[in-house]
Amino acid sequence: MSTFQALMLMLALWSFIIAMLTEINKK
């Protein structure tokens, strides 16, 4: 796996985590 692919994977994971946190904070 290239560094670019790992970076994109990290970004996708972070955006998912942030989305989950914002959903929890809405409640």
PDB file of N, CA and C in Angstrom:
ATOM      1  N   MET A   1       0.856  -1.196   0.000  1.00  0.00           N
ATOM      2  CA  MET A   1       0.000   0.000   0.000  1.00  0.00           C
ATOM      3  C   MET A   1       0.892   1.247   0.000  1.00  0.00           C
ATOM      4  N   SER A   2       0.560   2.175  -0.857  1.00  0.00           N
ATOM      5  CA  SER A   2       1.373   3.395  -0.958  1.00  0.00           C
ATOM      6  C   SER A   2       1.017   4.374   0.162  1.00  0.00           C
ATOM      7  N   THR A   3       1.877   5.355   0.356  1.00  0.00           N
ATOM      8  CA  THR A   3       1.638   6.350   1.404  1.00  0.00           C
ATOM      9  C   THR A   3       0.366   7.141   1.116  1.00  0.00           C
ATOM     10  N   PHE A   4       0.123   7.427  -0.174  1.00  0.00           N
ATOM     11  CA  PHE A   4      -1.063   8.207  -0.546  1.00  0.00           C
ATOM     12  C   PHE A   4      -2.336   7.448  -0.180  1.00  0.00           C
ATOM     13  N   GLN A   5      -2.352   6.134  -0.446  1.00  0.00           N
ATOM     14  CA  GLN A   5      -3.533   5.334  -0.115  1.00  0.00           C
ATOM     15  C   GLN A   5      -3.764   5.315   1.392  1.00  0.00           C
ATOM     16  N   ALA A   6      -2.670   5.196   2.158  1.00  0.00           N
ATOM     17  CA  ALA A   6      -2.804   5.183   3.615  1.00  0.00           C
ATOM     18  C   ALA A   6      -3.347   6.524   4.103  1.00  0.00           C
ATOM     19  N   LEU A   7      -2.884   7.610   3.487  1.00  0.00           N
ATOM     20  CA  LEU A   7      -3.344   8.946   3.870  1.00  0.00           C
ATOM     21  C   LEU A   7      -4.835   9.101   3.596  1.00  0.00           C
ATOM     22  N   MET A   8      -5.279   8.651   2.438  1.00  0.00           N
ATOM     23  CA  MET A   8      -6.695   8.748   2.086  1.00  0.00           C
ATOM     24  C   MET A   8      -7.537   7.913   3.043  1.00  0.00           C
ATOM     25  N   LEU A   9      -7.017   6.742   3.428  1.00  0.00           N
ATOM     26  CA  LEU A   9      -7.739   5.884   4.360  1.00  0.00           C
ATOM     27  C   LEU A   9      -7.878   6.578   5.711  1.00  0.00           C
ATOM     28  N   MET A  10      -6.807   7.227   6.163  1.00  0.00           N
ATOM     29  CA  MET A  10      -6.849   7.948   7.431  1.00  0.00           C
ATOM     30  C   MET A  10      -7.878   9.076   7.371  1.00  0.00           C
ATOM     31  N   LEU A  11      -7.893   9.809   6.252  1.00  0.00           N
ATOM     32  CA  LEU A  11      -8.849  10.914   6.103  1.00  0.00           C
ATOM     33  C   LEU A  11     -10.280  10.390   6.136  1.00  0.00           C
ATOM     34  N   ALA A  12     -10.531   9.271   5.465  1.00  0.00           N
ATOM     35  CA  ALA A  12     -11.874   8.694   5.434  1.00  0.00           C
ATOM     36  C   ALA A  12     -12.298   8.279   6.841  1.00  0.00           C
ATOM     37  N   LEU A  13     -11.365   7.667   7.584  1.00  0.00           N
ATOM     38  CA  LEU A  13     -11.682   7.246   8.948  1.00  0.00           C
ATOM     39  C   LEU A  13     -11.978   8.449   9.833  1.00  0.00           C
ATOM     40  N   TRP A  14     -11.158   9.504   9.720  1.00  0.00           N
ATOM     41  CA  TRP A  14     -11.359  10.694  10.543  1.00  0.00           C
ATOM     42  C   TRP A  14     -12.696  11.359  10.235  1.00  0.00           C
ATOM     43  N   SER A  15     -13.051  11.467   8.950  1.00  0.00           N
ATOM     44  CA  SER A  15     -14.328  12.099   8.591  1.00  0.00           C
ATOM     45  C   SER A  15     -15.492  11.278   9.147  1.00  0.00           C
ATOM     46  N   PHE A  16     -15.338   9.940   9.144  1.00  0.00           N
ATOM     47  CA  PHE A  16     -16.383   9.070   9.685  1.00  0.00           C
ATOM     48  C   PHE A  16     -16.519   9.268  11.192  1.00  0.00           C
ATOM     49  N   ILE A  17     -15.380   9.329  11.895  1.00  0.00           N
ATOM     50  CA  ILE A  17     -15.393   9.517  13.349  1.00  0.00           C
ATOM     51  C   ILE A  17     -16.007  10.870  13.699  1.00  0.00           C
ATOM     52  N   ILE A  18     -15.628  11.908  12.968  1.00  0.00           N
ATOM     53  CA  ILE A  18     -16.160  13.250  13.232  1.00  0.00           C
ATOM     54  C   ILE A  18     -17.673  13.272  12.992  1.00  0.00           C
ATOM     55  N   ALA A  19     -18.127  12.589  11.949  1.00  0.00           N
ATOM     56  CA  ALA A  19     -19.561  12.532  11.660  1.00  0.00           C
ATOM     57  C   ALA A  19     -20.295  11.838  12.803  1.00  0.00           C
ATOM     58  N   MET A  20     -19.719  10.765  13.328  1.00  0.00           N
ATOM     59  CA  MET A  20     -20.344  10.051  14.441  1.00  0.00           C
ATOM     60  C   MET A  20     -20.417  10.953  15.674  1.00  0.00           C
ATOM     61  N   LEU A  21     -19.321  11.670  15.965  1.00  0.00           N
ATOM     62  CA  LEU A  21     -19.289  12.550  17.137  1.00  0.00           C
ATOM     63  C   LEU A  21     -20.322  13.661  17.016  1.00  0.00           C
ATOM     64  N   THR A  22     -20.463  14.246  15.841  1.00  0.00           N
ATOM     65  CA  THR A  22     -21.435  15.328  15.671  1.00  0.00           C
ATOM     66  C   THR A  22     -22.856  14.785  15.834  1.00  0.00           C
ATOM     67  N   GLU A  23     -23.095  13.566  15.365  1.00  0.00           N
ATOM     68  CA  GLU A  23     -24.423  12.966  15.518  1.00  0.00           C
ATOM     69  C   GLU A  23     -24.734  12.750  16.994  1.00  0.00           C
ATOM     70  N   ILE A  24     -23.733  12.294  17.751  1.00  0.00           N
ATOM     71  CA  ILE A  24     -23.930  12.060  19.187  1.00  0.00           C
ATOM     72  C   ILE A  24     -24.179  13.390  19.898  1.00  0.00           C
ATOM     73  N   ASN A  25     -23.453  14.430  19.510  1.00  0.00           N
ATOM     74  CA  ASN A  25     -23.601  15.736  20.160  1.00  0.00           C
ATOM     75  C   ASN A  25     -24.961  16.363  19.859  1.00  0.00           C
ATOM     76  N   LYS A  26     -25.574  15.995  18.733  1.00  0.00           N
ATOM     77  CA  LYS A  26     -26.879  16.564  18.376  1.00  0.00           C
ATOM     78  C   LYS A  26     -27.951  16.117  19.367  1.00  0.00           C
ATOM     79  N   LYS A  27     -27.822  14.898  19.887  1.00  0.00           N
ATOM     80  CA  LYS A  27     -28.862  14.360  20.755  1.00  0.00           C
ATOM     81  C   LYS A  27     -28.911  15.068  22.109  1.00  0.00           C
TER      82      LYS A  27
END
